[in-house]
C-alpha cells in the first residue's frame, strides 16, 4: 500500500475542494508551482554568475614568445590563438603583410619563416619560438631596394598594390628555391598568390628580371 500523500490542490476562495478543477483552479495551481521554480532559480543564479565571472577573469591562455623579425629579436606575450599575421600587424606594427582572405587562399600575407614561404594568416605565432621571420619591410637594405622590389617597379608589375607585398615576398622565396627555370615554372610556383588586377605577366617578368634571366 502506497504511503505517498495525494497532491494538494490549491482552491481559490469561493470554490469547493470537492468540485472538479476549474480554469481558476488550474491557473492558481500553476502560478504557485511556477513561482516556486523561478524563485529556486533566482536563488542559485548568483552562485552560477560568480563561477562564470571567475572563469572570465582568468582570460584566454597566453605564451611568451621570442623570435627574430627582419633581423631584430622580439619578445612578446600573446594569446595562444594569435596568428603570425596578427602578431606582425597588431603587436609589432608591421602592416606590410596584408590580411586578404584570412584563409590561406590569396597569398597577400606571405612572409618567409626560416627562408621558406608561409601564409602568415594560417600560422600560429606560438609555434615560431626561435624562428627567423622576414616580411616585406625587411627586404630592402636601407634606401636600396631588393632587386625584386626594383624589378616590380621596372616592369610595372602592380596596380592597386594590395597583393604586392605578398607577391614580392613569394617571388623572393621562389628565386631562393630555384624555381625560375622558365616562365611556366615561375607561374606554377607563384600560383598561390592571387592578383585581382591581373598583373600576372608583368609579375612573372619581374621575377625573371630579379633572378637574372632577363
N, C-alpha and C. Protein backbone atom coordinates (compact mmCIF):
# COMPACT_ATOMS: atom_id res chain seq x y z
N UNK A 1 0.85 -1.20 0.00
CA UNK A 1 0.00 0.00 0.00
C UNK A 1 0.87 1.24 0.00
N UNK A 2 0.58 2.18 -0.89
CA UNK A 2 1.41 3.38 -1.02
C UNK A 2 1.24 4.28 0.17
N UNK A 3 2.35 4.87 0.60
CA UNK A 3 2.30 5.81 1.73
C UNK A 3 2.40 7.25 1.26
N UNK A 4 2.43 7.44 -0.09
CA UNK A 4 2.53 8.82 -0.61
C UNK A 4 1.25 9.58 -0.33
N UNK A 5 1.44 10.83 0.02
CA UNK A 5 0.28 11.69 0.26
C UNK A 5 -0.21 12.22 -1.07
N UNK A 6 -1.48 12.28 -1.25
CA UNK A 6 -2.02 12.81 -2.52
C UNK A 6 -1.66 14.28 -2.66
N UNK A 7 -1.41 14.73 -3.90
CA UNK A 7 -1.06 16.14 -4.11
C UNK A 7 -2.16 17.06 -3.65
N UNK A 8 -1.77 18.15 -3.00
CA UNK A 8 -2.75 19.12 -2.53
C UNK A 8 -3.16 20.03 -3.67
N UNK A 9 -4.39 20.32 -3.71
CA UNK A 9 -4.94 21.22 -4.73
C UNK A 9 -5.22 22.56 -4.11
N UNK A 10 -4.68 23.60 -4.70
CA UNK A 10 -4.93 24.95 -4.21
C UNK A 10 -6.29 25.39 -4.69
N UNK A 11 -7.17 25.66 -3.76
CA UNK A 11 -8.54 26.03 -4.12
C UNK A 11 -8.75 27.52 -3.92
N UNK A 12 -9.05 28.25 -4.98
CA UNK A 12 -9.32 29.67 -4.83
C UNK A 12 -10.51 29.90 -3.92
N UNK A 13 -10.55 31.06 -3.24
CA UNK A 13 -11.68 31.37 -2.36
C UNK A 13 -13.00 31.30 -3.13
N UNK A 14 -13.99 30.73 -2.47
CA UNK A 14 -15.32 30.68 -3.10
C UNK A 14 -15.59 29.41 -3.85
N UNK A 15 -14.60 28.49 -3.97
CA UNK A 15 -14.83 27.24 -4.68
C UNK A 15 -14.69 26.07 -3.72
N UNK A 16 -15.47 25.04 -3.92
CA UNK A 16 -15.44 23.86 -3.05
C UNK A 16 -14.33 22.93 -3.49
N UNK A 17 -13.55 22.34 -2.54
CA UNK A 17 -12.47 21.43 -2.92
C UNK A 17 -12.98 20.15 -3.55
N UNK A 18 -14.28 19.83 -3.37
CA UNK A 18 -14.83 18.60 -3.95
C UNK A 18 -15.27 18.79 -5.38
N UNK A 19 -15.34 20.03 -5.87
CA UNK A 19 -15.75 20.28 -7.23
C UNK A 19 -14.62 19.97 -8.20
N UNK A 20 -14.95 19.62 -9.45
CA UNK A 20 -13.90 19.40 -10.46
C UNK A 20 -13.08 20.68 -10.65
N UNK A 21 -11.79 20.54 -11.00
CA UNK A 21 -10.95 21.74 -11.20
C UNK A 21 -11.52 22.64 -12.28
N UNK A 22 -11.49 23.91 -11.96
CA UNK A 22 -11.96 24.88 -12.94
C UNK A 22 -10.77 25.63 -13.52
N UNK A 23 -11.02 26.53 -14.44
CA UNK A 23 -9.95 27.33 -15.04
C UNK A 23 -9.23 28.13 -13.98
N UNK A 24 -9.98 28.67 -13.01
CA UNK A 24 -9.36 29.45 -11.94
C UNK A 24 -8.45 28.57 -11.09
N UNK A 25 -8.90 27.30 -10.82
CA UNK A 25 -8.09 26.39 -10.02
C UNK A 25 -6.78 26.06 -10.73
N UNK A 26 -6.90 25.79 -12.04
CA UNK A 26 -5.70 25.45 -12.83
C UNK A 26 -4.69 26.59 -12.83
N UNK A 27 -5.18 27.82 -13.04
CA UNK A 27 -4.29 28.98 -13.08
C UNK A 27 -3.62 29.20 -11.73
N UNK A 28 -4.37 29.06 -10.66
CA UNK A 28 -3.82 29.27 -9.32
C UNK A 28 -2.74 28.24 -9.01
N UNK A 29 -3.02 26.98 -9.38
CA UNK A 29 -2.05 25.91 -9.10
C UNK A 29 -0.75 26.11 -9.87
N UNK A 30 -0.86 26.37 -11.18
CA UNK A 30 0.35 26.54 -11.99
C UNK A 30 1.12 27.78 -11.59
N UNK A 31 0.44 28.80 -11.13
CA UNK A 31 1.13 30.02 -10.69
C UNK A 31 2.00 29.74 -9.47
N UNK A 32 1.46 28.97 -8.52
CA UNK A 32 2.21 28.65 -7.30
C UNK A 32 3.43 27.80 -7.63
N UNK A 33 3.22 26.75 -8.45
CA UNK A 33 4.33 25.86 -8.80
C UNK A 33 5.39 26.59 -9.62
N UNK A 34 4.95 27.38 -10.60
CA UNK A 34 5.89 28.12 -11.43
C UNK A 34 6.67 29.14 -10.63
N UNK A 35 6.00 29.81 -9.71
CA UNK A 35 6.68 30.80 -8.88
C UNK A 35 7.77 30.18 -8.02
N UNK A 36 7.48 28.98 -7.52
CA UNK A 36 8.48 28.29 -6.70
C UNK A 36 9.70 27.91 -7.52
N UNK A 37 9.45 27.47 -8.77
CA UNK A 37 10.58 27.08 -9.63
C UNK A 37 11.44 28.28 -9.97
N UNK A 38 10.80 29.41 -10.29
CA UNK A 38 11.54 30.62 -10.62
C UNK A 38 12.34 31.11 -9.42
N UNK A 39 11.71 31.07 -8.24
CA UNK A 39 12.40 31.52 -7.04
C UNK A 39 13.64 30.66 -6.78
N UNK A 40 13.50 29.35 -7.00
CA UNK A 40 14.64 28.48 -6.81
C UNK A 40 15.77 28.82 -7.76
N UNK A 41 15.41 29.14 -9.02
CA UNK A 41 16.43 29.51 -10.00
C UNK A 41 17.13 30.80 -9.64
N UNK A 42 16.37 31.77 -9.12
CA UNK A 42 16.96 33.05 -8.77
C UNK A 42 17.91 32.92 -7.58
N UNK A 43 17.59 31.99 -6.68
CA UNK A 43 18.46 31.81 -5.52
C UNK A 43 19.81 31.24 -5.96
N UNK A 44 19.77 30.33 -6.96
CA UNK A 44 21.02 29.70 -7.40
C UNK A 44 21.82 30.56 -8.36
N UNK A 45 21.15 31.53 -9.00
CA UNK A 45 21.79 32.32 -10.04
C UNK A 45 23.06 33.03 -9.59
N UNK A 46 23.09 33.70 -8.43
CA UNK A 46 24.32 34.40 -8.03
C UNK A 46 25.54 33.50 -7.96
N UNK A 47 25.36 32.25 -7.51
CA UNK A 47 26.49 31.33 -7.43
C UNK A 47 27.00 30.99 -8.82
N UNK A 48 26.05 30.77 -9.75
CA UNK A 48 26.46 30.45 -11.13
C UNK A 48 27.18 31.63 -11.76
N UNK A 49 26.66 32.83 -11.52
CA UNK A 49 27.30 34.02 -12.09
C UNK A 49 28.69 34.23 -11.52
N UNK A 50 28.86 33.94 -10.25
CA UNK A 50 30.18 34.11 -9.63
C UNK A 50 31.19 33.15 -10.24
N UNK A 51 30.73 31.90 -10.51
CA UNK A 51 31.63 30.92 -11.12
C UNK A 51 32.02 31.35 -12.53
N UNK A 52 31.04 31.85 -13.31
CA UNK A 52 31.34 32.31 -14.66
C UNK A 52 32.29 33.49 -14.65
N UNK A 53 32.10 34.39 -13.68
CA UNK A 53 32.98 35.55 -13.59
C UNK A 53 34.41 35.17 -13.27
N UNK A 54 34.58 34.13 -12.44
CA UNK A 54 35.93 33.69 -12.10
C UNK A 54 36.64 33.12 -13.31
N UNK A 55 35.90 32.37 -14.15
CA UNK A 55 36.50 31.82 -15.36
C UNK A 55 36.86 32.93 -16.33
N UNK A 56 35.96 33.91 -16.48
CA UNK A 56 36.23 35.00 -17.41
C UNK A 56 37.42 35.83 -16.97
N UNK A 57 37.60 35.98 -15.64
CA UNK A 57 38.70 36.79 -15.13
C UNK A 57 40.05 36.17 -15.46
N UNK A 58 40.09 34.86 -15.59
CA UNK A 58 41.36 34.21 -15.90
C UNK A 58 41.84 34.55 -17.30
N UNK A 59 40.91 34.74 -18.26
CA UNK A 59 41.27 35.10 -19.62
C UNK A 59 41.79 33.92 -20.40
N UNK A 60 41.97 34.08 -21.71
CA UNK A 60 42.48 33.01 -22.56
C UNK A 60 43.95 32.73 -22.26
N UNK A 61 44.40 31.50 -22.51
CA UNK A 61 45.80 31.16 -22.23
C UNK A 61 46.76 31.91 -23.15
N UNK A 62 47.88 32.35 -22.63
CA UNK A 62 48.87 33.07 -23.42
C UNK A 62 50.25 32.47 -23.23
N UNK A 63 51.16 32.86 -24.11
CA UNK A 63 52.53 32.34 -24.04
C UNK A 63 53.52 33.46 -24.33
N UNK A 64 54.71 33.32 -23.76
CA UNK A 64 55.81 34.24 -24.02
C UNK A 64 56.59 33.69 -25.21
N UNK A 65 56.86 34.54 -26.17
CA UNK A 65 57.45 34.11 -27.44
C UNK A 65 58.61 35.00 -27.82
N UNK A 66 59.71 34.37 -28.24
CA UNK A 66 60.87 35.12 -28.74
C UNK A 66 61.19 34.65 -30.15
N UNK A 67 61.29 35.60 -31.07
CA UNK A 67 61.65 35.30 -32.45
C UNK A 67 62.34 36.49 -33.07
N UNK A 68 63.00 36.28 -34.19
CA UNK A 68 63.70 37.36 -34.88
C UNK A 68 62.87 37.78 -36.09
N UNK A 69 62.54 39.06 -36.14
CA UNK A 69 61.74 39.60 -37.24
C UNK A 69 62.55 40.68 -37.95
N UNK A 70 62.87 40.43 -39.21
CA UNK A 70 63.66 41.37 -40.01
C UNK A 70 64.97 41.73 -39.33
N UNK A 71 65.61 40.72 -38.73
CA UNK A 71 66.91 40.91 -38.10
C UNK A 71 66.88 41.45 -36.69
N UNK A 72 65.70 41.71 -36.14
CA UNK A 72 65.57 42.26 -34.79
C UNK A 72 64.92 41.22 -33.88
N UNK A 73 65.55 40.96 -32.74
CA UNK A 73 64.99 40.00 -31.80
C UNK A 73 63.79 40.60 -31.09
N UNK A 74 62.67 39.88 -31.09
CA UNK A 74 61.44 40.37 -30.47
C UNK A 74 60.97 39.36 -29.44
N UNK A 75 60.52 39.86 -28.28
CA UNK A 75 59.93 39.01 -27.25
C UNK A 75 58.59 39.60 -26.87
N UNK A 76 57.54 38.80 -27.03
CA UNK A 76 56.17 39.27 -26.76
C UNK A 76 55.40 38.17 -26.03
N UNK A 77 54.32 38.58 -25.38
CA UNK A 77 53.38 37.64 -24.78
C UNK A 77 52.07 37.76 -25.55
N UNK A 78 51.61 36.65 -26.11
CA UNK A 78 50.42 36.69 -26.96
C UNK A 78 49.44 35.58 -26.57
N UNK A 79 48.20 35.80 -26.91
CA UNK A 79 47.17 34.77 -26.82
C UNK A 79 47.61 33.59 -27.70
N UNK A 80 47.45 32.39 -27.21
CA UNK A 80 47.89 31.22 -27.96
C UNK A 80 47.18 31.06 -29.31
N UNK A 81 46.07 31.77 -29.49
CA UNK A 81 45.33 31.68 -30.76
C UNK A 81 45.78 32.71 -31.78
N UNK A 82 46.73 33.56 -31.43
CA UNK A 82 47.17 34.63 -32.32
C UNK A 82 47.93 34.10 -33.52
N UNK A 83 47.53 34.54 -34.70
CA UNK A 83 48.25 34.14 -35.92
C UNK A 83 49.51 34.98 -36.06
N UNK A 84 50.43 34.49 -36.87
CA UNK A 84 51.64 35.26 -37.15
C UNK A 84 51.27 36.58 -37.81
N UNK A 85 50.27 36.58 -38.67
CA UNK A 85 49.85 37.82 -39.34
C UNK A 85 49.38 38.85 -38.32
N UNK A 86 48.56 38.44 -37.36
CA UNK A 86 48.08 39.38 -36.35
C UNK A 86 49.20 39.82 -35.42
N UNK A 87 50.14 38.93 -35.15
CA UNK A 87 51.31 39.32 -34.35
C UNK A 87 52.07 40.44 -35.06
N UNK A 88 52.31 40.28 -36.36
CA UNK A 88 53.06 41.27 -37.12
C UNK A 88 52.31 42.60 -37.18
N UNK A 89 51.03 42.54 -37.50
CA UNK A 89 50.26 43.75 -37.75
C UNK A 89 49.85 44.46 -36.46
N UNK A 90 49.37 43.69 -35.47
CA UNK A 90 48.76 44.30 -34.29
C UNK A 90 49.72 44.46 -33.12
N UNK A 91 50.76 43.64 -33.06
CA UNK A 91 51.69 43.71 -31.93
C UNK A 91 53.02 44.37 -32.31
N UNK A 92 53.47 44.16 -33.54
CA UNK A 92 54.78 44.69 -33.95
C UNK A 92 54.66 45.86 -34.93
N UNK A 93 53.44 46.23 -35.29
CA UNK A 93 53.19 47.38 -36.17
C UNK A 93 53.87 47.23 -37.53
N UNK A 94 53.94 45.99 -38.03
CA UNK A 94 54.47 45.72 -39.37
C UNK A 94 53.27 45.38 -40.26
N UNK A 95 52.73 46.41 -40.90
CA UNK A 95 51.46 46.26 -41.62
C UNK A 95 51.62 46.00 -43.11
N UNK A 96 52.87 45.77 -43.56
CA UNK A 96 53.07 45.50 -44.98
C UNK A 96 52.43 44.20 -45.42
N UNK A 97 52.43 43.18 -44.56
CA UNK A 97 51.75 41.92 -44.86
C UNK A 97 50.26 42.15 -44.73
N UNK A 98 49.51 41.85 -45.77
CA UNK A 98 48.09 42.20 -45.81
C UNK A 98 47.19 41.04 -45.41
N UNK A 99 46.07 41.38 -44.78
CA UNK A 99 45.05 40.39 -44.46
C UNK A 99 44.00 40.44 -45.57
N UNK A 100 44.09 39.46 -46.47
CA UNK A 100 43.15 39.41 -47.59
C UNK A 100 41.99 38.49 -47.27
N UNK A 101 42.14 37.21 -47.63
CA UNK A 101 41.07 36.24 -47.38
C UNK A 101 41.09 35.72 -45.95
N UNK A 102 42.23 35.79 -45.27
CA UNK A 102 42.43 35.24 -43.92
C UNK A 102 42.14 33.74 -43.87
N UNK A 103 42.32 33.08 -45.01
CA UNK A 103 42.06 31.65 -45.09
C UNK A 103 43.14 30.91 -45.87
N UNK A 104 44.26 31.58 -46.16
CA UNK A 104 45.36 30.94 -46.85
C UNK A 104 45.17 30.74 -48.33
N UNK A 105 44.21 31.46 -48.93
CA UNK A 105 43.90 31.24 -50.34
C UNK A 105 44.46 32.30 -51.28
N UNK A 106 44.77 33.50 -50.77
CA UNK A 106 45.14 34.59 -51.68
C UNK A 106 46.62 34.91 -51.69
N UNK A 107 47.35 34.61 -50.61
CA UNK A 107 48.78 34.85 -50.56
C UNK A 107 49.20 36.26 -50.21
N UNK A 108 48.25 37.15 -49.93
CA UNK A 108 48.60 38.54 -49.62
C UNK A 108 49.40 38.66 -48.33
N UNK A 109 49.34 37.65 -47.48
CA UNK A 109 50.01 37.69 -46.17
C UNK A 109 51.34 36.93 -46.18
N UNK A 110 51.84 36.55 -47.36
CA UNK A 110 53.04 35.71 -47.43
C UNK A 110 54.25 36.36 -46.77
N UNK A 111 54.94 35.60 -45.93
CA UNK A 111 56.21 36.02 -45.33
C UNK A 111 57.16 34.83 -45.42
N UNK A 112 58.42 35.07 -45.10
CA UNK A 112 59.41 34.00 -45.06
C UNK A 112 59.68 33.62 -43.61
N UNK A 113 59.59 32.34 -43.31
CA UNK A 113 59.94 31.83 -41.98
C UNK A 113 61.10 30.86 -42.16
N UNK A 114 62.25 31.24 -41.62
CA UNK A 114 63.47 30.46 -41.81
C UNK A 114 63.72 30.20 -43.30
N UNK A 115 63.46 31.23 -44.11
CA UNK A 115 63.73 31.17 -45.54
C UNK A 115 62.67 30.52 -46.39
N UNK A 116 61.60 30.01 -45.77
CA UNK A 116 60.55 29.34 -46.53
C UNK A 116 59.27 30.17 -46.52
N UNK A 117 58.56 30.12 -47.64
CA UNK A 117 57.31 30.88 -47.76
C UNK A 117 56.20 30.26 -46.91
N UNK A 118 55.47 31.10 -46.18
CA UNK A 118 54.30 30.62 -45.42
C UNK A 118 53.20 31.65 -45.53
N UNK A 119 51.97 31.18 -45.39
CA UNK A 119 50.82 32.07 -45.25
C UNK A 119 50.72 32.44 -43.77
N UNK A 120 51.03 33.66 -43.45
CA UNK A 120 51.09 34.04 -42.03
C UNK A 120 49.72 34.03 -41.37
N UNK A 121 48.64 34.11 -42.16
CA UNK A 121 47.31 34.10 -41.56
C UNK A 121 46.95 32.72 -41.02
N UNK A 122 47.62 31.66 -41.51
CA UNK A 122 47.34 30.30 -41.08
C UNK A 122 48.39 29.76 -40.11
N UNK A 123 49.37 30.57 -39.77
CA UNK A 123 50.48 30.12 -38.93
C UNK A 123 50.33 30.66 -37.52
N UNK A 124 50.25 29.77 -36.53
CA UNK A 124 50.15 30.22 -35.14
C UNK A 124 51.49 30.80 -34.69
N UNK A 125 51.45 31.98 -34.11
CA UNK A 125 52.68 32.65 -33.68
C UNK A 125 53.44 31.82 -32.64
N UNK A 126 52.73 31.17 -31.73
CA UNK A 126 53.39 30.46 -30.63
C UNK A 126 54.21 29.26 -31.12
N UNK A 127 54.03 28.86 -32.35
CA UNK A 127 54.80 27.73 -32.90
C UNK A 127 56.16 28.18 -33.45
N UNK A 128 56.43 29.49 -33.40
CA UNK A 128 57.62 30.03 -34.05
C UNK A 128 58.70 30.45 -33.06
N UNK A 129 58.74 29.86 -31.91
CA UNK A 129 59.79 30.17 -30.94
C UNK A 129 61.17 29.97 -31.57
N UNK A 130 61.97 31.04 -31.56
CA UNK A 130 63.32 30.98 -32.10
C UNK A 130 63.43 31.10 -33.60
N UNK A 131 62.31 31.28 -34.29
CA UNK A 131 62.33 31.34 -35.76
C UNK A 131 62.80 32.70 -36.25
N UNK A 132 63.20 32.75 -37.52
CA UNK A 132 63.56 33.99 -38.19
C UNK A 132 62.50 34.31 -39.24
N UNK A 133 61.89 35.45 -39.09
CA UNK A 133 60.79 35.86 -39.97
C UNK A 133 61.23 37.07 -40.78
N UNK A 134 60.97 37.02 -42.09
CA UNK A 134 61.26 38.16 -42.96
C UNK A 134 59.97 38.60 -43.62
N UNK A 135 59.65 39.88 -43.47
CA UNK A 135 58.46 40.45 -44.10
C UNK A 135 58.90 41.42 -45.21
N UNK A 136 57.93 41.99 -45.88
CA UNK A 136 58.24 42.93 -46.96
C UNK A 136 59.09 44.09 -46.44
N UNK A 137 58.89 44.47 -45.17
CA UNK A 137 59.66 45.58 -44.60
C UNK A 137 61.14 45.25 -44.42
N UNK A 138 61.48 43.96 -44.42
CA UNK A 138 62.86 43.58 -44.16
C UNK A 138 63.68 43.25 -45.39
N UNK A 139 63.14 43.47 -46.59
CA UNK A 139 63.86 43.11 -47.81
C UNK A 139 64.87 44.16 -48.26
N UNK A 140 64.52 45.41 -48.14
CA UNK A 140 65.42 46.48 -48.59
C UNK A 140 66.61 46.63 -47.64
N UNK A 141 67.70 47.12 -48.16
CA UNK A 141 68.89 47.43 -47.36
C UNK A 141 69.00 48.95 -47.27
N UNK A 142 68.41 49.50 -46.23
CA UNK A 142 68.37 50.96 -46.12
C UNK A 142 67.52 51.55 -47.23
N UNK A 143 68.11 52.47 -48.01
CA UNK A 143 67.39 53.07 -49.13
C UNK A 143 67.51 52.25 -50.41
N UNK A 144 68.27 51.19 -50.35
CA UNK A 144 68.46 50.36 -51.53
C UNK A 144 67.43 49.24 -51.57
N UNK A 145 66.58 49.24 -52.59
CA UNK A 145 65.53 48.24 -52.70
C UNK A 145 66.10 46.86 -53.01
N UNK A 146 65.36 45.86 -52.61
CA UNK A 146 65.70 44.50 -53.01
C UNK A 146 65.57 44.41 -54.53
N UNK A 147 66.38 43.62 -55.21
CA UNK A 147 66.30 43.51 -56.67
C UNK A 147 64.89 43.20 -57.18
N UNK A 148 64.11 42.41 -56.43
CA UNK A 148 62.75 42.10 -56.89
C UNK A 148 61.83 43.30 -56.69
N UNK A 149 62.04 44.06 -55.63
CA UNK A 149 61.25 45.29 -55.47
C UNK A 149 61.51 46.25 -56.62
N UNK A 150 62.76 46.39 -56.99
CA UNK A 150 63.11 47.26 -58.12
C UNK A 150 62.54 46.71 -59.42
N UNK A 151 62.55 45.39 -59.58
CA UNK A 151 62.02 44.77 -60.79
C UNK A 151 60.52 45.01 -60.91
N UNK A 152 59.79 44.98 -59.80
CA UNK A 152 58.35 45.26 -59.83
C UNK A 152 58.10 46.68 -60.34
N UNK A 153 58.97 47.61 -59.97
CA UNK A 153 58.84 48.98 -60.46
C UNK A 153 59.19 49.04 -61.95
N UNK A 154 60.29 48.40 -62.32
CA UNK A 154 60.74 48.43 -63.71
C UNK A 154 59.71 47.81 -64.65
N UNK A 155 59.07 46.73 -64.21
CA UNK A 155 58.13 46.00 -65.05
C UNK A 155 56.69 46.47 -64.86
N UNK A 156 56.49 47.45 -64.00
CA UNK A 156 55.13 47.95 -63.72
C UNK A 156 54.21 46.79 -63.34
N UNK A 157 54.67 45.99 -62.36
CA UNK A 157 54.00 44.72 -62.04
C UNK A 157 52.94 44.83 -60.96
N UNK A 158 52.33 45.98 -60.84
CA UNK A 158 51.24 46.13 -59.85
C UNK A 158 50.32 47.26 -60.27
N UNK A 159 49.09 47.19 -59.75
CA UNK A 159 48.14 48.27 -59.97
C UNK A 159 47.64 48.78 -58.62
N UNK A 160 46.67 48.09 -58.02
CA UNK A 160 46.16 48.59 -56.73
C UNK A 160 47.18 48.41 -55.62
N UNK A 161 48.05 47.41 -55.73
CA UNK A 161 49.13 47.22 -54.77
C UNK A 161 48.79 46.39 -53.55
N UNK A 162 47.53 45.96 -53.40
CA UNK A 162 47.16 45.24 -52.18
C UNK A 162 47.90 43.91 -52.08
N UNK A 163 48.04 43.21 -53.19
CA UNK A 163 48.70 41.90 -53.16
C UNK A 163 50.21 42.00 -53.31
N UNK A 164 50.73 43.20 -53.58
CA UNK A 164 52.13 43.34 -54.00
C UNK A 164 53.13 42.86 -52.96
N UNK A 165 52.90 43.17 -51.70
CA UNK A 165 53.87 42.75 -50.68
C UNK A 165 53.96 41.23 -50.63
N UNK A 166 52.83 40.55 -50.68
CA UNK A 166 52.85 39.09 -50.69
C UNK A 166 53.46 38.54 -51.96
N UNK A 167 53.20 39.18 -53.11
CA UNK A 167 53.78 38.75 -54.38
C UNK A 167 55.31 38.85 -54.34
N UNK A 168 55.81 39.95 -53.82
CA UNK A 168 57.26 40.17 -53.79
C UNK A 168 57.94 39.18 -52.85
N UNK A 169 57.39 39.01 -51.64
CA UNK A 169 57.99 38.07 -50.70
C UNK A 169 57.94 36.65 -51.28
N UNK A 170 56.82 36.30 -51.89
CA UNK A 170 56.71 34.98 -52.50
C UNK A 170 57.70 34.83 -53.66
N UNK A 171 57.89 35.91 -54.43
CA UNK A 171 58.87 35.88 -55.52
C UNK A 171 60.28 35.69 -55.02
N UNK A 172 60.61 36.33 -53.90
CA UNK A 172 61.93 36.15 -53.30
C UNK A 172 62.13 34.69 -52.91
N UNK A 173 61.11 34.10 -52.30
CA UNK A 173 61.19 32.70 -51.94
C UNK A 173 61.31 31.81 -53.16
N UNK A 174 60.57 32.15 -54.19
CA UNK A 174 60.61 31.38 -55.44
C UNK A 174 62.03 31.39 -56.03
N UNK A 175 62.68 32.54 -56.02
CA UNK A 175 64.05 32.65 -56.53
C UNK A 175 65.01 31.86 -55.67
N UNK A 176 64.89 31.98 -54.34
CA UNK A 176 65.78 31.26 -53.43
C UNK A 176 65.62 29.75 -53.56
N UNK A 177 64.41 29.31 -53.89
CA UNK A 177 64.15 27.87 -54.05
C UNK A 177 64.61 27.34 -55.41
N UNK A 178 64.97 28.25 -56.32
CA UNK A 178 65.44 27.84 -57.63
C UNK A 178 64.36 27.46 -58.61
N UNK A 179 63.17 28.03 -58.41
CA UNK A 179 62.05 27.70 -59.30
C UNK A 179 61.84 28.80 -60.35
N UNK A 180 62.90 29.15 -61.04
CA UNK A 180 62.81 30.22 -62.04
C UNK A 180 63.39 29.78 -63.38
N UNK A 181 63.33 28.49 -63.67
CA UNK A 181 63.95 27.98 -64.89
C UNK A 181 63.24 28.37 -66.17
N UNK A 182 61.96 28.71 -66.06
CA UNK A 182 61.19 29.10 -67.24
C UNK A 182 59.99 29.92 -66.78
N UNK A 183 59.37 30.67 -67.72
CA UNK A 183 58.16 31.42 -67.35
C UNK A 183 57.08 30.49 -66.79
N UNK A 184 56.96 29.30 -67.36
CA UNK A 184 55.94 28.36 -66.90
C UNK A 184 56.22 27.90 -65.46
N UNK A 185 57.51 27.68 -65.15
CA UNK A 185 57.85 27.27 -63.80
C UNK A 185 57.58 28.39 -62.80
N UNK A 186 57.90 29.59 -63.19
CA UNK A 186 57.64 30.74 -62.30
C UNK A 186 56.14 30.85 -62.03
N UNK A 187 55.34 30.76 -63.08
CA UNK A 187 53.89 30.88 -62.90
C UNK A 187 53.36 29.77 -61.99
N UNK A 188 53.89 28.56 -62.16
CA UNK A 188 53.44 27.44 -61.33
C UNK A 188 53.77 27.68 -59.86
N UNK A 189 54.99 28.12 -59.57
CA UNK A 189 55.43 28.27 -58.19
C UNK A 189 55.00 29.60 -57.56
N UNK A 190 54.40 30.47 -58.37
CA UNK A 190 53.82 31.71 -57.85
C UNK A 190 52.29 31.64 -57.85
N UNK A 191 51.75 30.47 -58.15
CA UNK A 191 50.29 30.37 -58.33
C UNK A 191 49.50 30.52 -57.03
N UNK A 192 50.16 30.44 -55.91
CA UNK A 192 49.47 30.64 -54.64
C UNK A 192 49.20 32.09 -54.31
N UNK A 193 49.70 33.00 -55.12
CA UNK A 193 49.49 34.44 -54.89
C UNK A 193 48.56 34.98 -55.97
N UNK A 194 47.41 35.47 -55.54
CA UNK A 194 46.39 35.96 -56.47
C UNK A 194 46.48 37.47 -56.63
N UNK A 195 46.20 37.93 -57.85
CA UNK A 195 46.20 39.36 -58.16
C UNK A 195 44.86 39.71 -58.79
N UNK A 196 44.06 40.49 -58.10
CA UNK A 196 42.74 40.85 -58.62
C UNK A 196 42.85 41.77 -59.83
N UNK A 197 43.98 42.46 -59.97
CA UNK A 197 44.16 43.36 -61.11
C UNK A 197 44.67 42.62 -62.35
N UNK A 198 45.09 41.38 -62.22
CA UNK A 198 45.51 40.59 -63.36
C UNK A 198 46.88 40.92 -63.91
N UNK A 199 47.84 41.24 -63.04
CA UNK A 199 49.18 41.63 -63.49
C UNK A 199 50.14 40.44 -63.59
N UNK A 200 49.62 39.27 -63.84
CA UNK A 200 50.45 38.06 -63.77
C UNK A 200 51.63 38.06 -64.74
N UNK A 201 51.42 38.52 -65.96
CA UNK A 201 52.50 38.52 -66.95
C UNK A 201 53.64 39.41 -66.49
N UNK A 202 53.32 40.59 -65.98
CA UNK A 202 54.34 41.51 -65.52
C UNK A 202 55.01 41.03 -64.23
N UNK A 203 54.24 40.35 -63.38
CA UNK A 203 54.83 39.78 -62.16
C UNK A 203 55.85 38.72 -62.54
N UNK A 204 55.48 37.87 -63.50
CA UNK A 204 56.42 36.83 -63.96
C UNK A 204 57.68 37.45 -64.54
N UNK A 205 57.54 38.53 -65.30
CA UNK A 205 58.71 39.21 -65.89
C UNK A 205 59.58 39.81 -64.80
N UNK A 206 58.95 40.35 -63.75
CA UNK A 206 59.72 40.93 -62.65
C UNK A 206 60.54 39.86 -61.94
N UNK A 207 59.95 38.69 -61.72
CA UNK A 207 60.68 37.60 -61.08
C UNK A 207 61.83 37.14 -61.98
N UNK A 208 61.58 37.07 -63.27
CA UNK A 208 62.65 36.70 -64.22
C UNK A 208 63.80 37.70 -64.15
N UNK A 209 63.45 38.99 -64.09
CA UNK A 209 64.49 40.02 -64.03
C UNK A 209 65.32 39.89 -62.77
N UNK A 210 64.67 39.73 -61.64
CA UNK A 210 65.39 39.62 -60.36
C UNK A 210 66.22 38.36 -60.30
N UNK A 211 65.76 37.32 -60.99
CA UNK A 211 66.51 36.05 -60.99
C UNK A 211 67.67 36.07 -61.96
N UNK A 212 67.81 37.15 -62.75
CA UNK A 212 68.92 37.27 -63.68
C UNK A 212 68.66 36.62 -65.02
N UNK A 213 67.40 36.27 -65.29
CA UNK A 213 67.08 35.65 -66.56
C UNK A 213 66.63 36.68 -67.59
N UNK A 214 66.55 37.95 -67.20
CA UNK A 214 66.02 38.96 -68.11
C UNK A 214 66.90 40.19 -68.05
